[in-house]
């Protein structure tokens, strides 16, 4: 028999693995990434207060107007979230890939945020 793979459940398990490690140290804000098939979003979240410090998305007009898709779009979003984090006074974050595997657009976004000055 064939085994049915439930991708959402596997992603949830990877997400919970991160939260088990994260719950011990909440001193740094969390850079949380979400990607869909078309867009990518990044939020800088302070878990102690439960507030969003900064956010960037490919849906915003300044990125959407460039007409970029895929990895080049993720580079722009990574640079933008790093710039907004610097304005908010944040230089060091914890990277939360939200259960997504670390390759492709997620990896490119993380690398561009590092190049722009964020420390993971």
N, C-alpha and C. Protein backbone atom coordinates (compact mmCIF):
# COMPACT_ATOMS: atom_id res chain seq x y z
N UNK A 1 0.83 -1.19 0.00
CA UNK A 1 0.00 0.00 0.00
C UNK A 1 0.87 1.25 0.00
N UNK A 2 0.32 2.27 -0.58
CA UNK A 2 1.01 3.55 -0.59
C UNK A 2 0.72 4.29 0.70
N UNK A 3 1.69 5.04 1.14
CA UNK A 3 1.53 5.81 2.36
C UNK A 3 1.24 7.26 2.00
N UNK A 4 0.22 7.82 2.58
CA UNK A 4 -0.17 9.19 2.28
C UNK A 4 0.69 10.13 3.12
N UNK A 5 1.31 11.11 2.47
CA UNK A 5 2.15 12.09 3.16
C UNK A 5 1.34 13.35 3.38
N UNK A 6 1.19 13.71 4.64
CA UNK A 6 0.47 14.92 4.98
C UNK A 6 1.49 16.03 5.23
N UNK A 7 1.70 16.87 4.23
CA UNK A 7 2.74 17.89 4.29
C UNK A 7 2.48 18.94 5.37
N UNK A 8 1.22 19.27 5.59
CA UNK A 8 0.89 20.25 6.63
C UNK A 8 1.26 19.72 8.02
N UNK A 9 0.99 18.45 8.24
CA UNK A 9 1.30 17.86 9.54
C UNK A 9 2.81 17.80 9.76
N UNK A 10 3.56 17.46 8.73
CA UNK A 10 5.01 17.42 8.83
C UNK A 10 5.56 18.81 9.13
N UNK A 11 5.01 19.84 8.46
CA UNK A 11 5.44 21.22 8.72
C UNK A 11 5.12 21.63 10.15
N UNK A 12 3.96 21.23 10.66
CA UNK A 12 3.58 21.55 12.04
C UNK A 12 4.54 20.91 13.04
N UNK A 13 4.98 19.69 12.76
CA UNK A 13 5.93 19.02 13.64
C UNK A 13 7.27 19.75 13.67
N UNK A 14 7.73 20.20 12.49
CA UNK A 14 8.97 20.97 12.44
C UNK A 14 8.82 22.29 13.19
N UNK A 15 7.66 22.89 13.10
CA UNK A 15 7.37 24.16 13.77
C UNK A 15 7.40 23.98 15.29
N UNK A 16 6.83 22.90 15.78
CA UNK A 16 6.81 22.64 17.22
C UNK A 16 8.20 22.34 17.76
N UNK A 17 9.05 21.72 16.95
CA UNK A 17 10.43 21.48 17.35
C UNK A 17 11.14 22.79 17.65
N UNK A 18 10.89 23.80 16.82
CA UNK A 18 11.48 25.12 17.06
C UNK A 18 10.96 25.71 18.36
N UNK A 19 9.67 25.59 18.62
CA UNK A 19 9.08 26.21 19.81
C UNK A 19 9.55 25.56 21.11
N UNK A 20 9.87 24.28 21.06
CA UNK A 20 10.43 23.64 22.27
C UNK A 20 11.77 24.24 22.63
N UNK A 21 12.61 24.52 21.65
CA UNK A 21 13.90 25.16 21.91
C UNK A 21 13.74 26.63 22.27
N UNK A 22 12.80 27.29 21.64
CA UNK A 22 12.61 28.75 21.78
C UNK A 22 12.07 29.13 23.15
N UNK A 23 11.27 28.30 23.76
CA UNK A 23 10.57 28.67 24.99
C UNK A 23 11.50 28.93 26.17
N UNK A 24 12.74 28.47 26.08
CA UNK A 24 13.67 28.68 27.20
C UNK A 24 14.29 30.07 27.19
N UNK A 25 14.41 30.71 26.04
CA UNK A 25 15.07 32.01 25.94
C UNK A 25 14.25 32.95 25.07
N UNK A 26 13.63 33.94 25.69
CA UNK A 26 12.80 34.89 24.96
C UNK A 26 13.38 36.29 24.98
N UNK A 27 14.70 36.42 25.11
CA UNK A 27 15.31 37.74 25.23
C UNK A 27 15.38 38.47 23.88
N UNK A 28 15.55 37.74 22.78
CA UNK A 28 15.66 38.37 21.46
C UNK A 28 14.32 38.31 20.74
N UNK A 29 14.03 39.29 19.90
CA UNK A 29 12.83 39.20 19.07
C UNK A 29 12.97 38.10 18.02
N UNK A 30 11.86 37.68 17.49
CA UNK A 30 11.81 36.55 16.56
C UNK A 30 11.51 37.06 15.15
N UNK A 31 12.33 36.67 14.19
CA UNK A 31 12.07 36.98 12.78
C UNK A 31 11.32 35.81 12.19
N UNK A 32 10.02 35.97 12.02
CA UNK A 32 9.14 34.89 11.58
C UNK A 32 8.85 35.05 10.09
N UNK A 33 9.01 33.98 9.34
CA UNK A 33 8.84 33.98 7.89
C UNK A 33 7.62 33.15 7.52
N UNK A 34 6.84 33.64 6.56
CA UNK A 34 5.77 32.85 5.98
C UNK A 34 5.87 32.97 4.47
N UNK A 35 5.74 31.85 3.80
CA UNK A 35 5.74 31.90 2.34
C UNK A 35 4.54 31.15 1.79
N UNK A 36 4.00 31.69 0.73
CA UNK A 36 2.97 30.99 0.00
C UNK A 36 3.56 30.64 -1.36
N UNK A 37 2.76 30.16 -2.26
CA UNK A 37 3.31 29.80 -3.56
C UNK A 37 3.74 31.02 -4.35
N UNK A 38 3.18 32.19 -4.03
CA UNK A 38 3.47 33.41 -4.78
C UNK A 38 4.22 34.46 -4.00
N UNK A 39 3.94 34.60 -2.73
CA UNK A 39 4.45 35.71 -1.93
C UNK A 39 5.25 35.21 -0.73
N UNK A 40 5.96 36.15 -0.11
CA UNK A 40 6.73 35.86 1.09
C UNK A 40 6.59 37.04 2.04
N UNK A 41 6.47 36.73 3.33
CA UNK A 41 6.27 37.76 4.35
C UNK A 41 7.23 37.51 5.50
N UNK A 42 7.68 38.61 6.13
CA UNK A 42 8.57 38.52 7.28
C UNK A 42 8.07 39.47 8.35
N UNK A 43 8.05 39.01 9.59
CA UNK A 43 7.63 39.83 10.73
C UNK A 43 8.66 39.71 11.84
N UNK A 44 8.92 40.82 12.48
CA UNK A 44 9.79 40.85 13.64
C UNK A 44 8.89 40.96 14.85
N UNK A 45 8.85 39.90 15.70
CA UNK A 45 7.86 39.79 16.78
C UNK A 45 8.56 39.78 18.12
N UNK A 46 8.05 40.57 19.05
CA UNK A 46 8.50 40.55 20.44
C UNK A 46 7.55 39.64 21.20
N UNK A 47 8.01 38.44 21.58
CA UNK A 47 7.14 37.46 22.22
C UNK A 47 6.81 37.81 23.67
N UNK A 48 7.63 38.62 24.31
CA UNK A 48 7.33 39.02 25.69
C UNK A 48 6.10 39.92 25.73
N UNK A 49 6.02 40.87 24.82
CA UNK A 49 4.90 41.80 24.77
C UNK A 49 3.78 41.32 23.85
N UNK A 50 4.11 40.43 22.93
CA UNK A 50 3.11 39.95 21.99
C UNK A 50 2.81 40.96 20.90
N UNK A 51 3.82 41.74 20.49
CA UNK A 51 3.62 42.77 19.48
C UNK A 51 4.55 42.56 18.29
N UNK A 52 4.15 43.12 17.16
CA UNK A 52 4.96 43.09 15.95
C UNK A 52 5.78 44.37 15.91
N UNK A 53 7.10 44.24 15.86
CA UNK A 53 7.99 45.39 15.84
C UNK A 53 8.10 45.96 14.43
N UNK A 54 8.29 45.08 13.45
CA UNK A 54 8.42 45.50 12.06
C UNK A 54 7.95 44.37 11.16
N UNK A 55 7.57 44.73 9.95
CA UNK A 55 7.15 43.70 9.01
C UNK A 55 7.48 44.14 7.59
N UNK A 56 7.62 43.16 6.72
CA UNK A 56 7.86 43.40 5.30
C UNK A 56 7.20 42.27 4.53
N UNK A 57 6.70 42.61 3.36
CA UNK A 57 5.99 41.62 2.57
C UNK A 57 6.17 41.90 1.09
N UNK A 58 6.05 40.86 0.29
CA UNK A 58 6.13 41.04 -1.15
C UNK A 58 4.86 41.64 -1.72
N UNK A 59 3.84 41.79 -0.90
CA UNK A 59 2.58 42.37 -1.34
C UNK A 59 2.64 43.90 -1.32
N UNK A 60 3.59 44.47 -0.57
CA UNK A 60 3.72 45.93 -0.47
C UNK A 60 4.02 46.52 -1.84
N UNK A 61 3.56 47.75 -2.04
CA UNK A 61 3.67 48.38 -3.36
C UNK A 61 5.11 48.60 -3.79
N UNK A 62 6.01 48.92 -2.86
CA UNK A 62 7.39 49.18 -3.26
C UNK A 62 8.11 47.93 -3.77
N UNK A 63 7.68 46.76 -3.37
CA UNK A 63 8.27 45.52 -3.88
C UNK A 63 7.44 44.98 -5.05
N UNK A 64 6.13 45.09 -4.93
CA UNK A 64 5.25 44.57 -5.97
C UNK A 64 5.43 45.32 -7.29
N UNK A 65 5.73 46.62 -7.19
CA UNK A 65 5.88 47.43 -8.41
C UNK A 65 7.13 47.07 -9.21
N UNK A 66 8.11 46.42 -8.57
CA UNK A 66 9.31 46.02 -9.29
C UNK A 66 9.07 44.85 -10.23
N UNK A 67 8.02 44.07 -9.98
CA UNK A 67 7.68 42.95 -10.85
C UNK A 67 8.54 41.72 -10.62
N UNK A 68 9.25 41.66 -9.51
CA UNK A 68 10.11 40.52 -9.22
C UNK A 68 9.30 39.35 -8.70
N UNK A 69 9.78 38.15 -8.94
CA UNK A 69 9.17 36.92 -8.43
C UNK A 69 10.28 36.01 -7.90
N UNK A 70 9.93 35.11 -7.01
CA UNK A 70 10.85 34.09 -6.54
C UNK A 70 11.98 34.62 -5.66
N UNK A 71 13.19 34.17 -5.94
CA UNK A 71 14.34 34.51 -5.11
C UNK A 71 14.71 35.98 -5.14
N UNK A 72 14.67 36.67 -6.29
CA UNK A 72 14.96 38.11 -6.26
C UNK A 72 13.98 38.90 -5.39
N UNK A 73 12.73 38.46 -5.37
CA UNK A 73 11.74 39.10 -4.51
C UNK A 73 12.07 38.86 -3.04
N UNK A 74 12.54 37.67 -2.70
CA UNK A 74 12.91 37.35 -1.32
C UNK A 74 14.12 38.17 -0.88
N UNK A 75 15.03 38.46 -1.79
CA UNK A 75 16.18 39.31 -1.47
C UNK A 75 15.70 40.70 -1.07
N UNK A 76 14.75 41.24 -1.82
CA UNK A 76 14.21 42.58 -1.51
C UNK A 76 13.51 42.58 -0.15
N UNK A 77 12.72 41.56 0.13
CA UNK A 77 12.00 41.49 1.40
C UNK A 77 12.98 41.35 2.57
N UNK A 78 14.02 40.56 2.40
CA UNK A 78 15.04 40.40 3.44
C UNK A 78 15.76 41.70 3.74
N UNK A 79 16.12 42.44 2.70
CA UNK A 79 16.77 43.74 2.91
C UNK A 79 15.85 44.74 3.57
N UNK A 80 14.58 44.70 3.18
CA UNK A 80 13.60 45.64 3.74
C UNK A 80 13.32 45.37 5.22
N UNK A 81 13.21 44.09 5.60
CA UNK A 81 12.96 43.78 7.01
C UNK A 81 14.17 44.12 7.87
N UNK A 82 15.36 43.95 7.32
CA UNK A 82 16.57 44.32 8.08
C UNK A 82 16.65 45.83 8.27
N UNK A 83 16.30 46.56 7.24
CA UNK A 83 16.30 48.03 7.32
C UNK A 83 15.29 48.52 8.36
N UNK A 84 14.10 47.95 8.34
CA UNK A 84 13.07 48.35 9.30
C UNK A 84 13.42 47.92 10.73
N UNK A 85 14.11 46.80 10.87
CA UNK A 85 14.55 46.35 12.19
C UNK A 85 15.59 47.32 12.75
N UNK A 86 16.49 47.78 11.91
CA UNK A 86 17.50 48.75 12.34
C UNK A 86 16.84 50.05 12.80
N UNK A 87 15.82 50.50 12.08
CA UNK A 87 15.09 51.71 12.47
C UNK A 87 14.41 51.53 13.83
N UNK A 88 13.96 50.31 14.11
CA UNK A 88 13.29 50.02 15.38
C UNK A 88 14.29 49.77 16.51
N UNK A 89 15.58 49.73 16.17
CA UNK A 89 16.61 49.54 17.20
C UNK A 89 16.93 48.09 17.50
N UNK A 90 16.64 47.20 16.59
CA UNK A 90 16.90 45.77 16.79
C UNK A 90 18.06 45.36 15.88
N UNK A 91 19.07 44.71 16.45
CA UNK A 91 20.19 44.26 15.64
C UNK A 91 20.38 42.74 15.68
N UNK A 92 19.85 42.09 16.71
CA UNK A 92 20.03 40.65 16.86
C UNK A 92 18.66 39.98 17.01
N UNK A 93 18.41 38.93 16.24
CA UNK A 93 17.11 38.26 16.24
C UNK A 93 17.30 36.74 16.28
N UNK A 94 16.20 36.04 16.52
CA UNK A 94 16.14 34.58 16.40
C UNK A 94 15.35 34.29 15.13
N UNK A 95 15.91 33.47 14.26
CA UNK A 95 15.28 33.18 12.97
C UNK A 95 14.29 32.04 13.11
N UNK A 96 13.03 32.32 12.81
CA UNK A 96 11.96 31.33 12.85
C UNK A 96 11.50 31.08 11.42
N UNK A 97 11.88 29.93 10.87
CA UNK A 97 11.51 29.64 9.49
C UNK A 97 10.09 29.08 9.40
N UNK A 98 9.41 28.98 10.53
CA UNK A 98 7.99 28.64 10.59
C UNK A 98 7.69 27.25 10.02
N UNK A 99 8.62 26.31 10.19
CA UNK A 99 8.40 24.95 9.73
C UNK A 99 8.79 24.71 8.29
N UNK A 100 9.14 25.76 7.56
CA UNK A 100 9.57 25.58 6.18
C UNK A 100 11.03 25.13 6.16
N UNK A 101 11.40 24.37 5.15
CA UNK A 101 12.78 23.92 5.04
C UNK A 101 13.67 25.10 4.68
N UNK A 102 14.91 25.04 5.16
CA UNK A 102 15.84 26.14 4.96
C UNK A 102 16.55 25.98 3.62
N UNK A 103 15.85 26.30 2.56
CA UNK A 103 16.46 26.40 1.25
C UNK A 103 15.55 27.21 0.35
N UNK A 104 16.06 27.60 -0.79
CA UNK A 104 15.26 28.38 -1.72
C UNK A 104 15.02 29.79 -1.23
N UNK A 105 13.76 30.23 -1.28
CA UNK A 105 13.42 31.60 -0.91
C UNK A 105 13.68 31.91 0.55
N UNK A 106 13.51 30.92 1.44
CA UNK A 106 13.76 31.14 2.86
C UNK A 106 15.24 31.42 3.09
N UNK A 107 16.10 30.65 2.48
CA UNK A 107 17.54 30.82 2.64
C UNK A 107 18.01 32.14 2.04
N UNK A 108 17.49 32.52 0.89
CA UNK A 108 17.87 33.77 0.25
C UNK A 108 17.43 34.96 1.09
N UNK A 109 16.24 34.90 1.66
CA UNK A 109 15.76 35.98 2.53
C UNK A 109 16.65 36.11 3.76
N UNK A 110 17.02 35.00 4.36
CA UNK A 110 17.88 35.03 5.55
C UNK A 110 19.25 35.59 5.21
N UNK A 111 19.82 35.19 4.09
CA UNK A 111 21.13 35.69 3.69
C UNK A 111 21.11 37.19 3.42
N UNK A 112 20.07 37.67 2.76
CA UNK A 112 19.99 39.10 2.47
C UNK A 112 19.76 39.91 3.73
N UNK A 113 19.04 39.37 4.71
CA UNK A 113 18.85 40.06 5.97
C UNK A 113 20.17 40.12 6.75
N UNK A 114 20.95 39.06 6.69
CA UNK A 114 22.27 39.06 7.33
C UNK A 114 23.19 40.09 6.68
N UNK A 115 23.19 40.15 5.36
CA UNK A 115 24.04 41.10 4.64
C UNK A 115 23.65 42.53 4.95
N UNK A 116 22.37 42.76 5.21
CA UNK A 116 21.89 44.11 5.52
C UNK A 116 22.14 44.49 6.97
N UNK A 117 22.64 43.55 7.80
CA UNK A 117 23.04 43.92 9.15
C UNK A 117 22.37 43.20 10.30
N UNK A 118 21.41 42.34 10.04
CA UNK A 118 20.79 41.59 11.15
C UNK A 118 21.69 40.43 11.54
N UNK A 119 21.72 40.14 12.84
CA UNK A 119 22.50 39.00 13.32
C UNK A 119 21.55 37.93 13.82
N UNK A 120 21.78 36.69 13.36
CA UNK A 120 20.95 35.56 13.81
C UNK A 120 21.76 34.76 14.80
